[in-house]
Amino acid sequence: MSENPAGTSPRSAQDQSGWQAVLEDMTAIADDYRDRGWTALELHPGDSVLVDSERRTGLDVVLPGPEYEDLESLTEDTTFADVDVFRAEEGGMIYLLIVEQAPTDETAVLVPAYYDTGSGQTALETVRSAGELRLFCRRLNDDYVEFVHDDVAPFLPEAFADAE
């Protein structure tokens, strides 16, 4: 994985604008949740990639230590039952804003992510055929918080999801 500063995209200036738009959307959506009295945790991954290995298959985002600790603490006794996924496609990149929701606890975790469709083809095939996407929010030492989603279409490129 590349070592990008938190909140930056791994590719071109064009990709930077797409990533910046996701981060701005995250802030606005988190503020909307807070205005309704919810707890909203905004995460700022330093890297995001589709993975397909024996250890993990899904979307892997690397978090700074303090954010990971906040996430771990928040998810300990909270059941996240709903998710909203906002997706944008630009120049072979998929940008996602994943909002994990625990309505009973009025808690939301906002996870921005991105991946390159070209280098993620194998993982995309695995996710689509399994009918399940796992979101791994992890720290560099490989500790992670995992969210599992049975509806994979919102996470996939439009053309890929339509091919089902």
N, C-alpha and C. Protein backbone atom coordinates (compact mmCIF):
# COMPACT_ATOMS: atom_id res chain seq x y z
N MET A 1 0.83 -1.18 0.00
CA MET A 1 0.00 0.00 0.00
C MET A 1 0.88 1.24 0.00
N SER A 2 0.38 2.29 -0.61
CA SER A 2 1.13 3.52 -0.61
C SER A 2 1.00 4.23 0.73
N GLU A 3 1.92 5.11 0.97
CA GLU A 3 1.87 5.86 2.22
C GLU A 3 1.46 7.29 1.90
N ASN A 4 0.17 7.49 1.75
CA ASN A 4 -0.37 8.81 1.44
C ASN A 4 -0.73 9.51 2.74
N PRO A 5 -0.50 10.83 2.81
CA PRO A 5 -0.97 11.56 3.98
C PRO A 5 -2.48 11.40 4.11
N ALA A 6 -2.98 11.40 5.33
CA ALA A 6 -4.41 11.23 5.55
C ALA A 6 -5.19 12.23 4.73
N GLY A 7 -6.22 11.73 4.07
CA GLY A 7 -7.11 12.58 3.31
C GLY A 7 -6.63 12.90 1.90
N THR A 8 -5.62 12.21 1.39
CA THR A 8 -5.17 12.49 0.03
C THR A 8 -5.37 11.27 -0.84
N SER A 9 -5.48 11.52 -2.12
CA SER A 9 -5.67 10.45 -3.10
C SER A 9 -4.32 9.99 -3.61
N PRO A 10 -4.23 8.75 -4.07
CA PRO A 10 -2.94 8.21 -4.48
C PRO A 10 -2.53 8.57 -5.90
N ARG A 11 -3.41 9.24 -6.67
CA ARG A 11 -3.10 9.42 -8.09
C ARG A 11 -2.99 10.88 -8.49
N SER A 12 -3.58 11.25 -9.57
CA SER A 12 -3.40 12.56 -10.20
C SER A 12 -4.17 13.68 -9.52
N ALA A 13 -3.92 14.89 -10.03
CA ALA A 13 -4.64 16.06 -9.53
C ALA A 13 -6.14 15.93 -9.78
N GLN A 14 -6.52 15.31 -10.91
CA GLN A 14 -7.94 15.10 -11.19
C GLN A 14 -8.56 14.21 -10.10
N ASP A 15 -7.84 13.16 -9.72
CA ASP A 15 -8.33 12.28 -8.66
C ASP A 15 -8.39 13.02 -7.33
N GLN A 16 -7.44 13.93 -7.12
CA GLN A 16 -7.44 14.72 -5.88
C GLN A 16 -8.75 15.49 -5.75
N SER A 17 -9.26 16.05 -6.85
CA SER A 17 -10.50 16.81 -6.78
C SER A 17 -11.67 15.90 -6.44
N GLY A 18 -11.68 14.68 -6.98
CA GLY A 18 -12.73 13.72 -6.64
C GLY A 18 -12.70 13.34 -5.17
N TRP A 19 -11.50 13.10 -4.66
CA TRP A 19 -11.33 12.74 -3.26
C TRP A 19 -11.72 13.91 -2.36
N GLN A 20 -11.32 15.12 -2.74
CA GLN A 20 -11.66 16.30 -1.95
C GLN A 20 -13.18 16.48 -1.88
N ALA A 21 -13.87 16.21 -2.98
CA ALA A 21 -15.33 16.31 -2.99
C ALA A 21 -15.96 15.31 -2.01
N VAL A 22 -15.41 14.10 -1.93
CA VAL A 22 -15.92 13.11 -0.99
C VAL A 22 -15.74 13.60 0.44
N LEU A 23 -14.58 14.15 0.74
CA LEU A 23 -14.32 14.65 2.10
C LEU A 23 -15.24 15.81 2.46
N GLU A 24 -15.50 16.69 1.50
CA GLU A 24 -16.42 17.80 1.75
C GLU A 24 -17.84 17.29 1.98
N ASP A 25 -18.26 16.31 1.18
CA ASP A 25 -19.58 15.71 1.37
C ASP A 25 -19.68 15.07 2.74
N MET A 26 -18.60 14.39 3.15
CA MET A 26 -18.61 13.72 4.46
C MET A 26 -18.86 14.75 5.57
N THR A 27 -18.17 15.88 5.52
CA THR A 27 -18.33 16.90 6.54
C THR A 27 -19.76 17.41 6.59
N ALA A 28 -20.34 17.67 5.42
CA ALA A 28 -21.71 18.18 5.36
C ALA A 28 -22.71 17.15 5.90
N ILE A 29 -22.54 15.89 5.52
CA ILE A 29 -23.46 14.85 5.97
C ILE A 29 -23.30 14.61 7.47
N ALA A 30 -22.07 14.62 7.96
CA ALA A 30 -21.84 14.46 9.41
C ALA A 30 -22.50 15.59 10.18
N ASP A 31 -22.40 16.81 9.66
CA ASP A 31 -23.06 17.95 10.32
C ASP A 31 -24.57 17.77 10.35
N ASP A 32 -25.15 17.22 9.27
CA ASP A 32 -26.60 16.95 9.25
C ASP A 32 -26.97 15.95 10.35
N TYR A 33 -26.18 14.90 10.51
CA TYR A 33 -26.45 13.94 11.58
C TYR A 33 -26.36 14.62 12.94
N ARG A 34 -25.33 15.40 13.14
CA ARG A 34 -25.16 16.08 14.43
C ARG A 34 -26.31 17.04 14.70
N ASP A 35 -26.80 17.72 13.67
CA ASP A 35 -27.94 18.63 13.83
C ASP A 35 -29.19 17.88 14.30
N ARG A 36 -29.27 16.60 13.97
CA ARG A 36 -30.40 15.78 14.40
C ARG A 36 -30.15 15.12 15.75
N GLY A 37 -29.02 15.42 16.38
CA GLY A 37 -28.71 14.89 17.70
C GLY A 37 -27.94 13.59 17.71
N TRP A 38 -27.48 13.13 16.54
CA TRP A 38 -26.72 11.90 16.45
C TRP A 38 -25.26 12.14 16.78
N THR A 39 -24.58 11.07 17.17
CA THR A 39 -23.13 11.05 17.24
C THR A 39 -22.64 10.69 15.84
N ALA A 40 -21.73 11.48 15.29
CA ALA A 40 -21.21 11.21 13.95
C ALA A 40 -19.68 11.22 14.00
N LEU A 41 -19.09 10.08 13.67
CA LEU A 41 -17.63 9.96 13.64
C LEU A 41 -17.16 10.01 12.20
N GLU A 42 -16.36 11.01 11.87
CA GLU A 42 -15.78 11.15 10.53
C GLU A 42 -14.39 10.53 10.53
N LEU A 43 -14.14 9.64 9.58
CA LEU A 43 -12.84 8.99 9.47
C LEU A 43 -12.08 9.58 8.27
N HIS A 44 -10.76 9.55 8.36
CA HIS A 44 -9.90 10.12 7.32
C HIS A 44 -8.80 9.12 6.97
N PRO A 45 -9.13 8.12 6.14
CA PRO A 45 -8.14 7.10 5.79
C PRO A 45 -6.92 7.68 5.08
N GLY A 46 -5.78 7.11 5.37
CA GLY A 46 -4.55 7.46 4.67
C GLY A 46 -4.39 6.64 3.42
N ASP A 47 -5.10 5.53 3.33
CA ASP A 47 -5.07 4.69 2.14
C ASP A 47 -6.36 3.88 2.09
N SER A 48 -6.71 3.48 0.88
CA SER A 48 -7.94 2.74 0.65
C SER A 48 -7.70 1.87 -0.57
N VAL A 49 -8.05 0.58 -0.47
CA VAL A 49 -7.79 -0.32 -1.58
C VAL A 49 -8.71 -1.54 -1.47
N LEU A 50 -9.04 -2.11 -2.61
CA LEU A 50 -9.73 -3.40 -2.62
C LEU A 50 -8.70 -4.48 -2.35
N VAL A 51 -9.02 -5.42 -1.50
CA VAL A 51 -8.11 -6.53 -1.20
C VAL A 51 -8.79 -7.85 -1.50
N ASP A 52 -8.00 -8.82 -1.90
CA ASP A 52 -8.50 -10.17 -2.16
C ASP A 52 -7.37 -11.12 -1.79
N SER A 53 -7.39 -11.56 -0.55
CA SER A 53 -6.34 -12.45 -0.07
C SER A 53 -6.96 -13.49 0.86
N GLU A 54 -6.14 -14.40 1.34
CA GLU A 54 -6.64 -15.40 2.29
C GLU A 54 -7.07 -14.75 3.60
N ARG A 55 -6.42 -13.66 3.98
CA ARG A 55 -6.73 -12.99 5.24
C ARG A 55 -7.94 -12.08 5.16
N ARG A 56 -8.04 -11.32 4.05
CA ARG A 56 -9.11 -10.33 3.93
C ARG A 56 -9.52 -10.20 2.47
N THR A 57 -10.84 -10.13 2.26
CA THR A 57 -11.38 -9.79 0.95
C THR A 57 -12.43 -8.72 1.15
N GLY A 58 -12.27 -7.62 0.45
CA GLY A 58 -13.21 -6.51 0.56
C GLY A 58 -12.51 -5.19 0.37
N LEU A 59 -13.03 -4.19 1.03
CA LEU A 59 -12.49 -2.84 0.96
C LEU A 59 -11.73 -2.57 2.25
N ASP A 60 -10.48 -2.19 2.10
CA ASP A 60 -9.57 -2.01 3.23
C ASP A 60 -9.18 -0.53 3.32
N VAL A 61 -9.49 0.11 4.44
CA VAL A 61 -9.08 1.50 4.65
C VAL A 61 -8.18 1.56 5.88
N VAL A 62 -7.09 2.31 5.75
CA VAL A 62 -6.11 2.43 6.83
C VAL A 62 -6.34 3.76 7.54
N LEU A 63 -6.52 3.69 8.85
CA LEU A 63 -6.84 4.87 9.65
C LEU A 63 -5.68 5.29 10.54
N PRO A 64 -5.60 6.58 10.83
CA PRO A 64 -4.64 7.03 11.84
C PRO A 64 -5.00 6.42 13.20
N GLY A 65 -4.01 6.19 14.03
CA GLY A 65 -4.22 5.55 15.33
C GLY A 65 -5.34 6.15 16.17
N PRO A 66 -5.36 7.48 16.39
CA PRO A 66 -6.42 8.05 17.23
C PRO A 66 -7.83 7.84 16.65
N GLU A 67 -7.97 7.94 15.33
CA GLU A 67 -9.29 7.70 14.73
C GLU A 67 -9.69 6.24 14.87
N TYR A 68 -8.73 5.35 14.70
CA TYR A 68 -9.04 3.94 14.87
C TYR A 68 -9.51 3.67 16.29
N GLU A 69 -8.84 4.25 17.27
CA GLU A 69 -9.23 4.05 18.67
C GLU A 69 -10.63 4.60 18.93
N ASP A 70 -10.96 5.76 18.35
CA ASP A 70 -12.31 6.30 18.49
C ASP A 70 -13.35 5.35 17.87
N LEU A 71 -13.03 4.82 16.70
CA LEU A 71 -13.93 3.88 16.03
C LEU A 71 -14.10 2.61 16.86
N GLU A 72 -13.02 2.07 17.32
CA GLU A 72 -13.07 0.84 18.12
C GLU A 72 -13.93 1.04 19.37
N SER A 73 -13.74 2.15 20.03
CA SER A 73 -14.51 2.46 21.23
C SER A 73 -15.99 2.63 20.91
N LEU A 74 -16.28 3.32 19.83
CA LEU A 74 -17.66 3.60 19.44
C LEU A 74 -18.41 2.33 19.03
N THR A 75 -17.72 1.41 18.38
CA THR A 75 -18.39 0.21 17.86
C THR A 75 -18.48 -0.93 18.88
N GLU A 76 -17.80 -0.79 20.00
CA GLU A 76 -17.76 -1.87 21.00
C GLU A 76 -19.14 -2.34 21.42
N ASP A 77 -20.03 -1.42 21.75
CA ASP A 77 -21.36 -1.78 22.26
C ASP A 77 -22.48 -1.25 21.36
N THR A 78 -22.19 -1.04 20.09
CA THR A 78 -23.17 -0.47 19.17
C THR A 78 -23.39 -1.43 18.01
N THR A 79 -24.65 -1.61 17.65
CA THR A 79 -24.99 -2.46 16.51
C THR A 79 -25.35 -1.58 15.32
N PHE A 80 -24.55 -1.70 14.28
CA PHE A 80 -24.77 -0.94 13.06
C PHE A 80 -25.62 -1.79 12.12
N ALA A 81 -26.87 -1.36 11.92
CA ALA A 81 -27.83 -2.16 11.19
C ALA A 81 -28.12 -1.62 9.79
N ASP A 82 -27.79 -0.36 9.53
CA ASP A 82 -28.12 0.27 8.25
C ASP A 82 -26.86 0.88 7.65
N VAL A 83 -26.92 1.09 6.33
CA VAL A 83 -25.81 1.74 5.64
C VAL A 83 -26.35 2.55 4.47
N ASP A 84 -25.77 3.71 4.27
CA ASP A 84 -25.99 4.48 3.05
C ASP A 84 -24.65 4.54 2.34
N VAL A 85 -24.67 4.36 1.03
CA VAL A 85 -23.44 4.42 0.25
C VAL A 85 -23.64 5.44 -0.86
N PHE A 86 -22.77 6.43 -0.88
CA PHE A 86 -22.75 7.43 -1.94
C PHE A 86 -21.55 7.11 -2.82
N ARG A 87 -21.78 6.99 -4.13
CA ARG A 87 -20.73 6.54 -5.05
C ARG A 87 -20.58 7.54 -6.19
N ALA A 88 -19.33 7.79 -6.56
CA ALA A 88 -19.02 8.59 -7.75
C ALA A 88 -17.92 7.88 -8.50
N GLU A 89 -17.99 7.95 -9.83
CA GLU A 89 -16.98 7.32 -10.68
C GLU A 89 -16.32 8.40 -11.51
N GLU A 90 -15.00 8.37 -11.55
CA GLU A 90 -14.27 9.37 -12.32
C GLU A 90 -12.91 8.82 -12.73
N GLY A 91 -12.69 8.73 -14.02
CA GLY A 91 -11.38 8.36 -14.54
C GLY A 91 -10.85 7.03 -14.04
N GLY A 92 -11.70 6.01 -13.94
CA GLY A 92 -11.26 4.70 -13.48
C GLY A 92 -11.19 4.56 -11.97
N MET A 93 -11.53 5.63 -11.26
CA MET A 93 -11.55 5.58 -9.80
C MET A 93 -13.00 5.56 -9.32
N ILE A 94 -13.24 4.80 -8.27
CA ILE A 94 -14.54 4.79 -7.60
C ILE A 94 -14.33 5.48 -6.26
N TYR A 95 -15.15 6.49 -6.00
CA TYR A 95 -15.11 7.22 -4.73
C TYR A 95 -16.38 6.86 -3.98
N LEU A 96 -16.23 6.50 -2.73
CA LEU A 96 -17.37 6.10 -1.90
C LEU A 96 -17.40 6.92 -0.62
N LEU A 97 -18.59 7.22 -0.18
CA LEU A 97 -18.79 7.69 1.17
C LEU A 97 -19.77 6.70 1.80
N ILE A 98 -19.28 5.94 2.74
CA ILE A 98 -20.05 4.88 3.38
C ILE A 98 -20.47 5.40 4.75
N VAL A 99 -21.77 5.40 4.99
CA VAL A 99 -22.30 5.88 6.26
C VAL A 99 -22.91 4.69 6.99
N GLU A 100 -22.16 4.15 7.92
CA GLU A 100 -22.64 3.05 8.76
C GLU A 100 -23.52 3.65 9.84
N GLN A 101 -24.74 3.10 10.01
CA GLN A 101 -25.71 3.71 10.91
C GLN A 101 -26.19 2.73 11.98
N ALA A 102 -26.30 3.25 13.18
CA ALA A 102 -26.90 2.53 14.30
C ALA A 102 -28.08 3.39 14.77
N PRO A 103 -29.25 3.23 14.13
CA PRO A 103 -30.39 4.10 14.44
C PRO A 103 -30.81 4.06 15.90
N THR A 104 -30.77 2.89 16.52
CA THR A 104 -31.18 2.78 17.91
C THR A 104 -30.33 3.65 18.82
N ASP A 105 -29.04 3.73 18.53
CA ASP A 105 -28.11 4.52 19.33
C ASP A 105 -27.88 5.92 18.75
N GLU A 106 -28.55 6.21 17.62
CA GLU A 106 -28.36 7.48 16.93
C GLU A 106 -26.87 7.78 16.73
N THR A 107 -26.21 6.82 16.10
CA THR A 107 -24.78 6.90 15.86
C THR A 107 -24.49 6.59 14.40
N ALA A 108 -23.60 7.37 13.81
CA ALA A 108 -23.18 7.15 12.43
C ALA A 108 -21.67 7.22 12.34
N VAL A 109 -21.10 6.32 11.54
CA VAL A 109 -19.67 6.35 11.23
C VAL A 109 -19.56 6.62 9.74
N LEU A 110 -18.84 7.66 9.39
CA LEU A 110 -18.69 8.05 7.99
C LEU A 110 -17.30 7.67 7.51
N VAL A 111 -17.27 6.79 6.50
CA VAL A 111 -16.02 6.24 6.00
C VAL A 111 -15.86 6.60 4.53
N PRO A 112 -14.99 7.56 4.21
CA PRO A 112 -14.70 7.82 2.81
C PRO A 112 -13.71 6.78 2.30
N ALA A 113 -13.86 6.38 1.06
CA ALA A 113 -12.97 5.36 0.50
C ALA A 113 -12.86 5.57 -1.00
N TYR A 114 -11.86 4.96 -1.58
CA TYR A 114 -11.68 5.00 -3.02
C TYR A 114 -10.96 3.73 -3.45
N TYR A 115 -11.13 3.39 -4.72
CA TYR A 115 -10.33 2.30 -5.28
C TYR A 115 -10.25 2.46 -6.79
N ASP A 116 -9.22 1.88 -7.33
CA ASP A 116 -8.96 1.90 -8.78
C ASP A 116 -9.60 0.66 -9.38
N THR A 117 -10.51 0.86 -10.32
CA THR A 117 -11.21 -0.29 -10.92
C THR A 117 -10.25 -1.18 -11.70
N GLY A 118 -9.23 -0.60 -12.29
CA GLY A 118 -8.29 -1.39 -13.08
C GLY A 118 -7.53 -2.39 -12.24
N SER A 119 -6.99 -1.96 -11.11
CA SER A 119 -6.20 -2.87 -10.29
C SER A 119 -7.07 -3.71 -9.35
N GLY A 120 -8.38 -3.40 -9.27
CA GLY A 120 -9.24 -4.12 -8.35
C GLY A 120 -10.15 -5.16 -8.98
N GLN A 121 -9.89 -5.52 -10.24
CA GLN A 121 -10.80 -6.43 -10.95
C GLN A 121 -11.00 -7.78 -10.25
N THR A 122 -9.92 -8.39 -9.78
CA THR A 122 -10.04 -9.69 -9.12
C THR A 122 -10.88 -9.58 -7.85
N ALA A 123 -10.61 -8.56 -7.05
CA ALA A 123 -11.38 -8.36 -5.82
C ALA A 123 -12.84 -8.06 -6.14
N LEU A 124 -13.09 -7.27 -7.18
CA LEU A 124 -14.47 -6.97 -7.57
C LEU A 124 -15.22 -8.24 -7.95
N GLU A 125 -14.57 -9.10 -8.70
CA GLU A 125 -15.19 -10.38 -9.09
C GLU A 125 -15.50 -11.23 -7.85
N THR A 126 -14.56 -11.28 -6.93
CA THR A 126 -14.75 -12.08 -5.71
C THR A 126 -15.91 -11.53 -4.90
N VAL A 127 -15.95 -10.20 -4.73
CA VAL A 127 -17.03 -9.57 -3.96
C VAL A 127 -18.37 -9.83 -4.63
N ARG A 128 -18.43 -9.62 -5.94
CA ARG A 128 -19.70 -9.81 -6.65
C ARG A 128 -20.17 -11.27 -6.56
N SER A 129 -19.27 -12.22 -6.77
CA SER A 129 -19.70 -13.63 -6.74
C SER A 129 -20.06 -14.08 -5.32
N ALA A 130 -19.41 -13.52 -4.31
CA ALA A 130 -19.74 -13.86 -2.92
C ALA A 130 -21.02 -13.19 -2.46
N GLY A 131 -21.39 -12.08 -3.10
CA GLY A 131 -22.59 -11.36 -2.69
C GLY A 131 -22.43 -10.70 -1.34
N GLU A 132 -21.18 -10.36 -1.01
CA GLU A 132 -20.91 -9.78 0.30
C GLU A 132 -19.68 -8.88 0.19
N LEU A 133 -19.79 -7.68 0.76
CA LEU A 133 -18.64 -6.80 0.83
C LEU A 133 -18.28 -6.59 2.29
N ARG A 134 -17.03 -6.79 2.59
CA ARG A 134 -16.52 -6.53 3.94
C ARG A 134 -15.70 -5.25 3.89
N LEU A 135 -16.01 -4.36 4.80
CA LEU A 135 -15.28 -3.11 4.94
C LEU A 135 -14.39 -3.23 6.16
N PHE A 136 -13.09 -3.19 5.92
CA PHE A 136 -12.10 -3.31 7.00
C PHE A 136 -11.54 -1.92 7.29
N CYS A 137 -11.84 -1.40 8.46
CA CYS A 137 -11.28 -0.13 8.92
C CYS A 137 -10.17 -0.51 9.88
N ARG A 138 -8.91 -0.30 9.44
CA ARG A 138 -7.82 -0.86 10.23
C ARG A 138 -6.72 0.15 10.49
N ARG A 139 -5.91 -0.24 11.44
CA ARG A 139 -4.69 0.52 11.72
C ARG A 139 -3.53 -0.25 11.11
N LEU A 140 -2.38 0.35 11.10
CA LEU A 140 -1.23 -0.26 10.43
C LEU A 140 -0.80 -1.60 11.02
N ASN A 141 -1.09 -1.85 12.29
CA ASN A 141 -0.68 -3.12 12.89
C ASN A 141 -1.65 -4.26 12.56
N ASP A 142 -2.61 -3.99 11.69
CA ASP A 142 -3.60 -4.96 11.20
C ASP A 142 -4.75 -5.25 12.16
N ASP A 143 -4.87 -4.54 13.28
CA ASP A 143 -6.11 -4.59 14.05
C ASP A 143 -7.17 -3.94 13.17
N TYR A 144 -8.41 -4.45 13.21
CA TYR A 144 -9.43 -3.82 12.38
C TYR A 144 -10.82 -3.96 12.99
N VAL A 145 -11.67 -3.03 12.57
CA VAL A 145 -13.11 -3.07 12.82
C VAL A 145 -13.72 -3.42 11.47
N GLU A 146 -14.64 -4.36 11.47
CA GLU A 146 -15.20 -4.86 10.22
C GLU A 146 -16.71 -4.60 10.15
N PHE A 147 -17.14 -4.13 9.00
CA PHE A 147 -18.56 -3.98 8.69
C PHE A 147 -18.84 -4.89 7.50
N VAL A 148 -19.94 -5.66 7.55
CA VAL A 148 -20.27 -6.62 6.50
C VAL A 148 -21.57 -6.20 5.83
N HIS A 149 -21.56 -6.22 4.48
CA HIS A 149 -22.72 -5.79 3.71
C HIS A 149 -23.13 -6.85 2.70
N ASP A 150 -24.42 -7.23 2.73
CA ASP A 150 -24.95 -8.24 1.82
C ASP A 150 -25.38 -7.66 0.48
N ASP A 151 -25.63 -6.37 0.43
CA ASP A 151 -25.97 -5.72 -0.85
C ASP A 151 -24.71 -5.06 -1.37
N VAL A 152 -24.07 -5.69 -2.36
CA VAL A 152 -22.78 -5.20 -2.84
C VAL A 152 -22.90 -4.15 -3.95
N ALA A 153 -24.05 -4.07 -4.60
CA ALA A 153 -24.21 -3.19 -5.76
C ALA A 153 -23.81 -1.73 -5.49
N PRO A 154 -24.17 -1.14 -4.35
CA PRO A 154 -23.80 0.27 -4.14
C PRO A 154 -22.28 0.50 -4.08
N PHE A 155 -21.52 -0.52 -3.82
CA PHE A 155 -20.07 -0.40 -3.68
C PHE A 155 -19.33 -0.61 -5.00
N LEU A 156 -20.02 -1.18 -5.98
CA LEU A 156 -19.37 -1.57 -7.23
C LEU A 156 -19.51 -0.49 -8.30
N PRO A 157 -18.60 -0.49 -9.27
CA PRO A 157 -18.78 0.42 -10.41
C PRO A 157 -20.12 0.13 -11.07
N GLU A 158 -20.76 1.15 -11.61
CA GLU A 158 -22.08 0.98 -12.20
C GLU A 158 -22.11 -0.11 -13.27
N ALA A 159 -21.14 -0.10 -14.16
CA ALA A 159 -21.10 -1.11 -15.23
C ALA A 159 -20.92 -2.51 -14.67
N PHE A 160 -20.15 -2.62 -13.61
CA PHE A 160 -19.89 -3.92 -12.98
C PHE A 160 -21.15 -4.43 -12.27
N ALA A 161 -21.84 -3.55 -11.57
CA ALA A 161 -23.06 -3.93 -10.87
C ALA A 161 -24.16 -4.30 -11.86
N ASP A 162 -24.21 -3.58 -13.00
CA ASP A 162 -25.24 -3.85 -14.00
C ASP A 162 -25.02 -5.19 -14.69
N ALA A 163 -23.79 -5.72 -14.65
CA ALA A 163 -23.45 -6.98 -15.32
C ALA A 163 -23.97 -8.20 -14.57
N GLU A 164 -24.53 -8.01 -13.39
CA GLU A 164 -25.01 -9.14 -12.61
C GLU A 164 -26.16 -9.84 -13.27
